[in-house]
C-alpha cells in the first residue's frame, strides 16, 4: 500500500478517535475547545509525514514538488473524508448515546430533560450535510496548503543530493 494512503488512513483514524474521545468522554473544557486546533495540527503532521515517507521510502530519497503535492493531497483527502464521516455518524446516529452518557447537554450544560430535542427532518439533514461537507472541504484546503509547504521544504532532486555529498 502506498505510504501516503497509509498515513492518511492512520491520521484519519487518529482524528476520528480524538473526536470520539472528546464527544463521549468527560474531558476538560480547555481540551474540548482546542479540538479544532488539535485536528489541524494532526492534519499538518500527517501530510508532512506522508510526503517525507514517500520521498525516503518510495522515491529513493528524491522527490519533486508535484510528487510531494500528490502524496500530501492523497493523505489529506483521506483524512478529511474520514473526519467528515465521523462527524456525520456522531451527528446522526450517536447523539442520543452521548446525551445519555453525559446526562447534560455539552453546550448548554442543562439537563437533558430541559434541552429541547432536535427532530431530524429533511431540511435539517440537508443543513447538517452542508455543514459536514463545508468542514471536510475546509480540512482539504488546509491539507492542500500544508502539502504545498511540506513539498517545498522536502523537495530534493539528484543535484541536491550530489551537493550534500
Protein backbone atom coordinates (compact mmCIF):
# COMPACT_ATOMS: atom_id res chain seq x y z
CA UNK A 1 0.00 0.00 0.00
CA UNK A 2 1.17 3.50 -0.81
CA UNK A 3 2.78 5.35 2.13
CA UNK A 4 0.57 8.41 1.57
CA UNK A 5 -2.54 6.23 1.77
CA UNK A 6 -1.28 4.61 4.97
CA UNK A 7 -0.51 7.98 6.52
CA UNK A 8 -3.95 9.32 5.50
CA UNK A 9 -5.76 6.34 6.99
CA UNK A 10 -3.74 6.41 10.21
CA UNK A 11 -4.19 10.19 10.54
CA UNK A 12 -7.91 9.88 9.80
CA UNK A 13 -8.30 7.19 12.43
CA UNK A 14 -6.38 9.32 14.94
CA UNK A 15 -8.61 12.33 14.27
CA UNK A 16 -11.75 10.18 14.38
CA UNK A 17 -10.61 8.68 17.67
CA UNK A 18 -9.87 12.13 19.06
CA UNK A 19 -13.30 13.40 18.02
CA UNK A 20 -14.98 10.36 19.57
CA UNK A 21 -12.92 10.85 22.74
CA UNK A 22 -13.89 14.49 23.14
CA UNK A 23 -17.51 13.64 22.36
CA UNK A 24 -18.11 10.70 24.69
CA UNK A 25 -15.55 11.02 27.47
CA UNK A 26 -15.68 13.74 30.10
CA UNK A 27 -12.63 15.75 29.04
CA UNK A 28 -11.67 19.18 30.40
CA UNK A 29 -13.33 22.13 28.70
CA UNK A 30 -10.00 23.53 27.52
CA UNK A 31 -9.31 20.30 25.58
CA UNK A 32 -12.77 20.35 24.03
CA UNK A 33 -12.31 23.96 22.94
CA UNK A 34 -8.87 23.18 21.50
CA UNK A 35 -10.13 20.20 19.47
CA UNK A 36 -10.27 22.13 16.19
CA UNK A 37 -6.67 23.29 16.55
CA UNK A 38 -5.53 19.80 17.50
CA UNK A 39 -7.31 18.45 14.41
CA UNK A 40 -5.49 20.95 12.20
CA UNK A 41 -2.18 20.06 13.86
CA UNK A 42 -2.80 16.37 13.17
CA UNK A 43 -3.54 17.20 9.52
CA UNK A 44 -0.29 19.14 9.24
CA UNK A 45 1.78 16.40 10.84
CA UNK A 46 0.13 13.66 8.78
CA UNK A 47 0.72 15.48 5.49
CA UNK A 48 4.35 16.18 6.39
CA UNK A 49 5.00 12.57 7.39
CA UNK A 50 3.33 11.20 4.26
CA UNK A 51 5.48 13.37 1.99
CA UNK A 52 8.65 12.55 3.90
CA UNK A 53 7.99 8.80 3.92
CA UNK A 54 7.09 8.88 0.23
CA UNK A 55 10.36 10.67 -0.50
CA UNK A 56 12.52 8.42 1.65
CA UNK A 57 10.94 5.00 1.04
CA UNK A 58 9.27 5.12 -2.39
CA UNK A 59 11.32 7.64 -4.36
CA UNK A 60 14.82 6.71 -3.11
CA UNK A 61 15.41 9.99 -1.29
CA UNK A 62 14.39 12.35 -4.07
CA UNK A 63 11.00 13.88 -4.74
CA UNK A 64 9.71 16.62 -6.98
CA UNK A 65 7.20 19.24 -5.95
CA UNK A 66 4.46 17.54 -7.98
CA UNK A 67 5.09 14.14 -6.39
CA UNK A 68 5.14 15.69 -2.91
CA UNK A 69 1.92 17.58 -3.57
CA UNK A 70 0.28 14.39 -4.82
CA UNK A 71 1.35 12.42 -1.73
CA UNK A 72 0.23 15.19 0.62
CA UNK A 73 -3.14 15.64 -1.03
CA UNK A 74 -3.74 11.87 -1.06
CA UNK A 75 -3.26 11.64 2.68
CA UNK A 76 -5.10 14.93 3.31
CA UNK A 77 -8.11 13.86 1.25
CA UNK A 78 -8.40 10.51 3.01
CA UNK A 79 -8.01 12.19 6.37
CA UNK A 80 -10.67 14.82 5.56
CA UNK A 81 -13.15 12.24 4.31
CA UNK A 82 -12.72 10.15 7.46
CA UNK A 83 -13.19 13.32 9.53
CA UNK A 84 -16.42 14.14 7.68
CA UNK A 85 -17.76 10.60 8.05
CA UNK A 86 -17.02 10.61 11.77
CA UNK A 87 -18.82 13.90 12.31
CA UNK A 88 -21.76 12.68 10.21
CA UNK A 89 -22.07 9.43 12.16
CA UNK A 90 -21.83 11.22 15.52
CA UNK A 91 -24.37 13.84 14.47
CA UNK A 92 -26.91 11.41 13.03
CA UNK A 93 -26.60 8.20 14.97
CA UNK A 94 -24.71 8.70 18.21
CA UNK A 95 -26.18 11.94 19.57
CA UNK A 96 -28.64 10.14 21.85
CA UNK A 97 -25.88 7.92 23.25
CA UNK A 98 -23.72 10.97 24.01
CA UNK A 99 -26.57 12.72 25.81
CA UNK A 100 -27.35 9.66 27.92
CA UNK A 101 -23.67 9.24 28.86
CA UNK A 102 -23.12 12.89 29.76
CA UNK A 103 -26.62 13.43 31.22
CA UNK A 104 -26.23 17.11 30.34
CA UNK A 105 -26.13 18.84 27.01
CA UNK A 106 -22.46 19.59 26.17
CA UNK A 107 -23.07 23.16 25.02
CA UNK A 108 -25.85 24.47 27.23
CA UNK A 109 -24.85 22.42 30.31
CA UNK A 110 -28.56 21.89 31.03
CA UNK A 111 -30.13 18.61 31.99
CA UNK A 112 -31.28 16.53 29.06
CA UNK A 113 -34.92 16.82 30.12
CA UNK A 114 -34.63 20.63 29.90
CA UNK A 115 -32.99 20.57 26.47
CA UNK A 116 -35.40 20.55 23.54
CA UNK A 117 -34.78 17.60 21.26
CA UNK A 118 -33.89 18.15 17.64
CA UNK A 119 -36.13 16.26 15.28
CA UNK A 120 -34.24 15.50 12.11
CA UNK A 121 -36.40 16.26 9.12
CA UNK A 122 -35.33 16.60 5.52
CA UNK A 123 -34.33 20.27 5.81
CA UNK A 124 -32.27 19.80 8.99
CA UNK A 125 -30.50 16.79 7.48
CA UNK A 126 -29.70 18.90 4.42
CA UNK A 127 -28.24 21.62 6.62
CA UNK A 128 -26.24 19.05 8.58
CA UNK A 129 -24.83 17.54 5.38
CA UNK A 130 -23.93 21.03 4.10
CA UNK A 131 -22.03 21.75 7.31
CA UNK A 132 -20.17 18.44 7.17
CA UNK A 133 -19.25 18.99 3.52
CA UNK A 134 -18.07 22.50 4.40
CA UNK A 135 -15.80 21.27 7.21
CA UNK A 136 -14.47 18.45 5.01
CA UNK A 137 -13.64 20.91 2.23
CA UNK A 138 -12.01 23.29 4.71
CA UNK A 139 -9.84 20.45 6.04
CA UNK A 140 -8.90 19.54 2.46
CA UNK A 141 -7.96 23.17 1.81
CA UNK A 142 -5.76 23.16 4.90
CA UNK A 143 -4.25 19.86 3.73
CA UNK A 144 -3.52 21.46 0.35
CA UNK A 145 -1.76 24.42 1.97
CA UNK A 146 0.17 22.03 4.22
CA UNK A 147 1.10 19.90 1.20
CA UNK A 148 2.45 22.89 -0.68
CA UNK A 149 4.56 23.99 2.29
CA UNK A 150 5.85 20.49 3.04
CA UNK A 151 6.56 19.77 -0.63
CA UNK A 152 8.68 22.89 -0.89
CA UNK A 153 10.53 22.05 2.32
CA UNK A 154 11.11 18.38 1.49
CA UNK A 155 11.79 18.72 -2.24
CA UNK A 156 15.06 17.08 -3.13
CA UNK A 157 16.42 16.20 -6.54
CA UNK A 158 19.53 14.38 -7.69
CA UNK A 159 21.50 17.63 -7.93
CA UNK A 160 20.70 18.47 -4.31
CA UNK A 161 21.90 15.06 -3.16
CA UNK A 162 25.20 15.43 -5.04
CA UNK A 163 25.84 18.83 -3.44
CA UNK A 164 25.36 17.37 0.04
CA UNK A 165 27.98 14.67 -0.61
